[in-house]
Amino acid sequence: MECPHCQQPLPTLTCSHCGQEALEGASFCHHCGHQLPAPQQEPPRLLTCLSCDRKLLPEANYCHHCGEPAPDPELVPEGAGLGQRIACADGNCIGIIGPDGRCTECGKPYPGDLPSDQEEE
């Protein structure tokens, strides 16, 4: 089974009900609808598109929904989406405040206290 966009092989398993290939990590077989076993490993940490708030796989370079570049996982805290971003205080800058308290575009520090869920640990 290949990705329809990049033709890379997708991880698969065999459905115990119908014997067809199913995507590894899927909850149900896309052929027969049979519930598949839960994955044994920890699920991947998903990124959130900063433009449309959709979930992205960690290896994504672009959002599958809106086409915007995927955020750098080092700069965006897990779960940061549209409602949790803090815009740069400089009215001419398009950046957002990163986990270090500085703008991701111009590097200026955020003037004031960050909300507790935005502060660096």
N, C-alpha and C. Protein backbone atom coordinates (compact mmCIF):
# COMPACT_ATOMS: atom_id res chain seq x y z
N MET A 1 0.86 -1.16 0.00
CA MET A 1 0.00 0.00 0.00
C MET A 1 0.91 1.23 0.00
N GLU A 2 0.61 2.19 -0.90
CA GLU A 2 1.43 3.39 -1.06
C GLU A 2 0.62 4.64 -0.77
N CYS A 3 1.33 5.69 -0.37
CA CYS A 3 0.71 7.00 -0.20
C CYS A 3 0.29 7.49 -1.59
N PRO A 4 -0.95 7.95 -1.76
CA PRO A 4 -1.39 8.41 -3.08
C PRO A 4 -0.69 9.68 -3.54
N HIS A 5 -0.05 10.40 -2.61
CA HIS A 5 0.58 11.67 -2.96
C HIS A 5 2.06 11.52 -3.27
N CYS A 6 2.79 10.77 -2.43
CA CYS A 6 4.25 10.68 -2.61
C CYS A 6 4.72 9.29 -3.00
N GLN A 7 3.82 8.32 -3.09
CA GLN A 7 4.11 6.93 -3.47
C GLN A 7 5.06 6.21 -2.51
N GLN A 8 5.24 6.72 -1.30
CA GLN A 8 6.05 6.04 -0.30
C GLN A 8 5.21 4.92 0.31
N PRO A 9 5.84 3.78 0.66
CA PRO A 9 5.07 2.69 1.27
C PRO A 9 4.51 3.10 2.63
N LEU A 10 3.26 2.71 2.88
CA LEU A 10 2.61 3.00 4.16
C LEU A 10 2.71 1.76 5.05
N PRO A 11 2.89 1.96 6.36
CA PRO A 11 2.95 0.81 7.26
C PRO A 11 1.57 0.13 7.32
N THR A 12 1.56 -1.18 7.13
CA THR A 12 0.29 -1.90 7.10
C THR A 12 0.33 -3.11 8.02
N LEU A 13 -0.85 -3.65 8.26
CA LEU A 13 -1.01 -4.91 8.96
C LEU A 13 -2.14 -5.66 8.26
N THR A 14 -2.31 -6.92 8.58
CA THR A 14 -3.37 -7.71 7.96
C THR A 14 -4.57 -7.76 8.88
N CYS A 15 -5.72 -7.44 8.35
CA CYS A 15 -6.97 -7.48 9.12
C CYS A 15 -7.29 -8.95 9.42
N SER A 16 -7.52 -9.26 10.69
CA SER A 16 -7.81 -10.64 11.09
C SER A 16 -9.20 -11.09 10.64
N HIS A 17 -10.06 -10.17 10.26
CA HIS A 17 -11.42 -10.51 9.85
C HIS A 17 -11.51 -10.80 8.35
N CYS A 18 -10.94 -9.92 7.50
CA CYS A 18 -11.08 -10.09 6.05
C CYS A 18 -9.78 -10.48 5.35
N GLY A 19 -8.64 -10.39 6.06
CA GLY A 19 -7.36 -10.77 5.47
C GLY A 19 -6.75 -9.74 4.55
N GLN A 20 -7.37 -8.57 4.41
CA GLN A 20 -6.84 -7.51 3.55
C GLN A 20 -5.85 -6.64 4.31
N GLU A 21 -5.01 -5.91 3.55
CA GLU A 21 -4.08 -4.97 4.18
C GLU A 21 -4.85 -3.79 4.75
N ALA A 22 -4.53 -3.41 5.96
CA ALA A 22 -5.11 -2.24 6.60
C ALA A 22 -3.97 -1.36 7.09
N LEU A 23 -4.23 -0.07 7.21
CA LEU A 23 -3.19 0.85 7.67
C LEU A 23 -2.86 0.58 9.14
N GLU A 24 -1.59 0.48 9.42
CA GLU A 24 -1.13 0.30 10.80
C GLU A 24 -1.50 1.55 11.59
N GLY A 25 -2.06 1.36 12.76
CA GLY A 25 -2.46 2.48 13.61
C GLY A 25 -3.90 2.90 13.40
N ALA A 26 -4.57 2.37 12.36
CA ALA A 26 -5.98 2.69 12.14
C ALA A 26 -6.82 1.96 13.18
N SER A 27 -7.96 2.53 13.52
CA SER A 27 -8.85 1.89 14.49
C SER A 27 -9.72 0.83 13.84
N PHE A 28 -10.06 1.03 12.56
CA PHE A 28 -10.93 0.09 11.85
C PHE A 28 -10.36 -0.21 10.48
N CYS A 29 -10.64 -1.42 9.98
CA CYS A 29 -10.23 -1.82 8.63
C CYS A 29 -11.04 -1.04 7.62
N HIS A 30 -10.38 -0.46 6.63
CA HIS A 30 -11.11 0.33 5.62
C HIS A 30 -11.76 -0.56 4.56
N HIS A 31 -11.52 -1.88 4.61
CA HIS A 31 -12.17 -2.81 3.68
C HIS A 31 -13.48 -3.34 4.25
N CYS A 32 -13.44 -3.82 5.52
CA CYS A 32 -14.62 -4.49 6.07
C CYS A 32 -15.20 -3.81 7.31
N GLY A 33 -14.50 -2.82 7.87
CA GLY A 33 -15.01 -2.11 9.04
C GLY A 33 -14.73 -2.79 10.37
N HIS A 34 -14.02 -3.92 10.34
CA HIS A 34 -13.70 -4.64 11.57
C HIS A 34 -12.74 -3.81 12.44
N GLN A 35 -12.97 -3.80 13.75
CA GLN A 35 -12.09 -3.06 14.66
C GLN A 35 -10.73 -3.73 14.71
N LEU A 36 -9.68 -2.93 14.54
CA LEU A 36 -8.30 -3.43 14.54
C LEU A 36 -7.72 -3.30 15.93
N PRO A 37 -6.70 -4.11 16.25
CA PRO A 37 -6.09 -4.00 17.58
C PRO A 37 -5.42 -2.65 17.76
N ALA A 38 -5.41 -2.19 19.00
CA ALA A 38 -4.76 -0.91 19.33
C ALA A 38 -3.27 -1.04 19.08
N PRO A 39 -2.63 0.02 18.59
CA PRO A 39 -1.18 -0.03 18.36
C PRO A 39 -0.43 -0.25 19.67
N GLN A 40 0.66 -0.99 19.60
CA GLN A 40 1.46 -1.30 20.78
C GLN A 40 2.38 -0.15 21.17
N GLN A 41 2.70 0.69 20.23
CA GLN A 41 3.61 1.80 20.53
C GLN A 41 2.83 3.05 20.87
N GLU A 42 3.52 4.02 21.41
CA GLU A 42 2.91 5.31 21.72
C GLU A 42 2.57 6.03 20.42
N PRO A 43 1.39 6.64 20.33
CA PRO A 43 1.05 7.33 19.08
C PRO A 43 2.00 8.50 18.83
N PRO A 44 2.18 8.88 17.56
CA PRO A 44 3.09 9.99 17.27
C PRO A 44 2.56 11.29 17.84
N ARG A 45 3.47 12.16 18.21
CA ARG A 45 3.09 13.49 18.69
C ARG A 45 2.69 14.31 17.46
N LEU A 46 1.45 14.68 17.40
CA LEU A 46 0.96 15.41 16.25
C LEU A 46 1.25 16.90 16.38
N LEU A 47 1.46 17.53 15.24
CA LEU A 47 1.61 18.98 15.19
C LEU A 47 0.26 19.57 14.84
N THR A 48 0.10 20.85 15.03
CA THR A 48 -1.12 21.55 14.66
C THR A 48 -0.75 22.64 13.66
N CYS A 49 -1.44 22.64 12.52
CA CYS A 49 -1.21 23.68 11.51
C CYS A 49 -1.56 25.03 12.11
N LEU A 50 -0.66 25.98 12.00
CA LEU A 50 -0.89 27.31 12.56
C LEU A 50 -1.84 28.15 11.70
N SER A 51 -2.14 27.68 10.50
CA SER A 51 -3.02 28.42 9.62
C SER A 51 -4.47 27.95 9.75
N CYS A 52 -4.70 26.62 9.75
CA CYS A 52 -6.08 26.12 9.75
C CYS A 52 -6.41 25.25 10.96
N ASP A 53 -5.46 25.03 11.86
CA ASP A 53 -5.68 24.31 13.11
C ASP A 53 -5.93 22.81 12.92
N ARG A 54 -5.55 22.23 11.77
CA ARG A 54 -5.69 20.79 11.54
C ARG A 54 -4.48 20.05 12.14
N LYS A 55 -4.68 18.79 12.50
CA LYS A 55 -3.60 17.97 13.04
C LYS A 55 -2.71 17.47 11.90
N LEU A 56 -1.40 17.47 12.12
CA LEU A 56 -0.41 17.04 11.13
C LEU A 56 0.50 15.98 11.74
N LEU A 57 0.96 15.05 10.93
CA LEU A 57 1.95 14.09 11.39
C LEU A 57 3.28 14.81 11.61
N PRO A 58 4.11 14.32 12.54
CA PRO A 58 5.36 15.04 12.85
C PRO A 58 6.32 15.16 11.67
N GLU A 59 6.23 14.25 10.70
CA GLU A 59 7.14 14.32 9.56
C GLU A 59 6.60 15.17 8.41
N ALA A 60 5.41 15.76 8.57
CA ALA A 60 4.80 16.57 7.50
C ALA A 60 5.61 17.83 7.24
N ASN A 61 5.78 18.14 5.97
CA ASN A 61 6.43 19.39 5.58
C ASN A 61 5.40 20.48 5.30
N TYR A 62 4.20 20.05 4.88
CA TYR A 62 3.13 20.98 4.56
C TYR A 62 1.82 20.43 5.11
N CYS A 63 0.87 21.32 5.36
CA CYS A 63 -0.45 20.93 5.83
C CYS A 63 -1.21 20.24 4.70
N HIS A 64 -1.82 19.09 5.00
CA HIS A 64 -2.58 18.35 4.00
C HIS A 64 -3.91 19.02 3.67
N HIS A 65 -4.33 20.00 4.48
CA HIS A 65 -5.61 20.64 4.25
C HIS A 65 -5.47 21.99 3.52
N CYS A 66 -4.58 22.85 4.01
CA CYS A 66 -4.49 24.20 3.43
C CYS A 66 -3.20 24.44 2.64
N GLY A 67 -2.22 23.53 2.73
CA GLY A 67 -0.99 23.67 1.95
C GLY A 67 0.07 24.56 2.57
N GLU A 68 -0.21 25.13 3.73
CA GLU A 68 0.79 25.99 4.39
C GLU A 68 1.94 25.13 4.92
N PRO A 69 3.15 25.70 5.03
CA PRO A 69 4.26 24.94 5.60
C PRO A 69 3.94 24.49 7.03
N ALA A 70 4.36 23.29 7.36
CA ALA A 70 4.14 22.76 8.70
C ALA A 70 5.01 23.53 9.70
N PRO A 71 4.53 23.69 10.93
CA PRO A 71 5.33 24.41 11.92
C PRO A 71 6.54 23.59 12.34
N ASP A 72 7.59 24.27 12.75
CA ASP A 72 8.77 23.61 13.29
C ASP A 72 8.42 23.10 14.68
N PRO A 73 8.50 21.77 14.91
CA PRO A 73 8.10 21.25 16.22
C PRO A 73 8.95 21.79 17.37
N GLU A 74 10.12 22.32 17.08
CA GLU A 74 10.97 22.88 18.13
C GLU A 74 10.47 24.26 18.57
N LEU A 75 9.72 24.95 17.69
CA LEU A 75 9.28 26.32 17.99
C LEU A 75 7.85 26.41 18.51
N VAL A 76 7.04 25.38 18.23
CA VAL A 76 5.63 25.44 18.58
C VAL A 76 5.33 24.43 19.68
N PRO A 77 4.78 24.87 20.80
CA PRO A 77 4.44 23.93 21.85
C PRO A 77 3.33 22.98 21.39
N GLU A 78 3.34 21.74 21.92
CA GLU A 78 2.34 20.75 21.55
C GLU A 78 0.94 21.29 21.82
N GLY A 79 0.07 21.13 20.82
CA GLY A 79 -1.31 21.57 20.97
C GLY A 79 -1.52 23.04 20.67
N ALA A 80 -0.49 23.77 20.30
CA ALA A 80 -0.68 25.19 20.01
C ALA A 80 -1.41 25.32 18.69
N GLY A 81 -2.56 25.91 18.71
CA GLY A 81 -3.36 26.10 17.51
C GLY A 81 -3.76 27.55 17.38
N LEU A 82 -4.77 27.80 16.60
CA LEU A 82 -5.20 29.17 16.35
C LEU A 82 -5.57 29.91 17.62
N GLY A 83 -6.30 29.27 18.52
CA GLY A 83 -6.76 29.94 19.72
C GLY A 83 -5.68 30.15 20.76
N GLN A 84 -4.54 29.50 20.64
CA GLN A 84 -3.51 29.58 21.67
C GLN A 84 -2.29 30.39 21.25
N ARG A 85 -2.30 30.95 20.05
CA ARG A 85 -1.15 31.72 19.57
C ARG A 85 -1.18 33.12 20.16
N ILE A 86 0.00 33.67 20.35
CA ILE A 86 0.13 35.06 20.79
C ILE A 86 0.89 35.79 19.69
N ALA A 87 0.27 36.80 19.12
CA ALA A 87 0.89 37.55 18.03
C ALA A 87 2.00 38.44 18.56
N CYS A 88 2.96 38.72 17.70
CA CYS A 88 4.05 39.63 18.04
C CYS A 88 3.45 41.00 18.34
N ALA A 89 4.00 41.68 19.34
CA ALA A 89 3.49 42.99 19.74
C ALA A 89 3.82 44.08 18.72
N ASP A 90 4.83 43.84 17.86
CA ASP A 90 5.18 44.80 16.82
C ASP A 90 4.09 44.72 15.75
N GLY A 91 3.35 45.77 15.55
CA GLY A 91 2.23 45.77 14.61
C GLY A 91 2.60 45.51 13.16
N ASN A 92 3.89 45.59 12.83
CA ASN A 92 4.33 45.35 11.45
C ASN A 92 4.85 43.94 11.23
N CYS A 93 4.90 43.13 12.27
CA CYS A 93 5.47 41.79 12.18
C CYS A 93 4.35 40.75 12.12
N ILE A 94 4.57 39.67 11.37
CA ILE A 94 3.56 38.62 11.24
C ILE A 94 3.86 37.42 12.14
N GLY A 95 4.89 37.50 12.96
CA GLY A 95 5.32 36.38 13.79
C GLY A 95 4.40 36.11 14.97
N ILE A 96 4.66 34.98 15.62
CA ILE A 96 3.97 34.62 16.86
C ILE A 96 5.01 34.41 17.95
N ILE A 97 4.58 34.49 19.18
CA ILE A 97 5.50 34.30 20.30
C ILE A 97 5.74 32.81 20.49
N GLY A 98 7.00 32.43 20.46
CA GLY A 98 7.40 31.03 20.63
C GLY A 98 7.52 30.66 22.09
N PRO A 99 7.86 29.40 22.36
CA PRO A 99 7.96 28.93 23.74
C PRO A 99 9.07 29.63 24.54
N ASP A 100 10.01 30.27 23.84
CA ASP A 100 11.08 30.99 24.54
C ASP A 100 10.68 32.42 24.91
N GLY A 101 9.43 32.83 24.58
CA GLY A 101 8.96 34.17 24.91
C GLY A 101 9.35 35.22 23.88
N ARG A 102 9.91 34.80 22.75
CA ARG A 102 10.33 35.72 21.70
C ARG A 102 9.56 35.45 20.42
N CYS A 103 9.46 36.47 19.58
CA CYS A 103 8.77 36.35 18.30
C CYS A 103 9.55 35.40 17.40
N THR A 104 8.82 34.51 16.72
CA THR A 104 9.47 33.54 15.83
C THR A 104 9.97 34.18 14.54
N GLU A 105 9.53 35.40 14.22
CA GLU A 105 9.97 36.08 13.00
C GLU A 105 11.06 37.11 13.27
N CYS A 106 10.78 38.07 14.17
CA CYS A 106 11.73 39.18 14.37
C CYS A 106 12.60 39.00 15.62
N GLY A 107 12.23 38.08 16.50
CA GLY A 107 13.04 37.81 17.68
C GLY A 107 12.81 38.73 18.87
N LYS A 108 11.89 39.69 18.73
CA LYS A 108 11.63 40.61 19.84
C LYS A 108 10.95 39.86 20.99
N PRO A 109 11.32 40.19 22.23
CA PRO A 109 10.67 39.54 23.37
C PRO A 109 9.23 40.06 23.54
N TYR A 110 8.39 39.20 24.10
CA TYR A 110 7.00 39.59 24.36
C TYR A 110 6.98 40.57 25.53
N PRO A 111 6.36 41.75 25.37
CA PRO A 111 6.35 42.74 26.46
C PRO A 111 5.24 42.41 27.47
N GLY A 112 5.61 41.84 28.56
CA GLY A 112 4.62 41.48 29.57
C GLY A 112 4.74 40.01 29.94
N ASP A 113 3.79 39.56 30.73
CA ASP A 113 3.80 38.18 31.18
C ASP A 113 3.05 37.30 30.18
N LEU A 114 3.64 36.16 29.88
CA LEU A 114 2.98 35.18 29.03
C LEU A 114 1.99 34.39 29.86
N PRO A 115 0.90 33.91 29.24
CA PRO A 115 0.01 33.01 29.97
C PRO A 115 0.80 31.79 30.44
N SER A 116 0.41 31.20 31.54
CA SER A 116 1.20 30.10 32.13
C SER A 116 1.36 28.92 31.20
N ASP A 117 0.41 28.67 30.28
CA ASP A 117 0.55 27.54 29.37
C ASP A 117 1.47 27.85 28.20
N GLN A 118 1.92 29.10 28.05
CA GLN A 118 2.81 29.51 26.97
C GLN A 118 4.26 29.60 27.45
N GLU A 119 4.48 29.72 28.75
CA GLU A 119 5.83 29.91 29.27
C GLU A 119 6.68 28.67 29.10
N GLU A 120 7.97 28.89 28.90
CA GLU A 120 8.91 27.80 28.76
C GLU A 120 9.12 27.12 30.10
N GLU A 121 9.21 25.80 30.07
CA GLU A 121 9.40 25.07 31.34
C GLU A 121 10.85 24.98 31.72
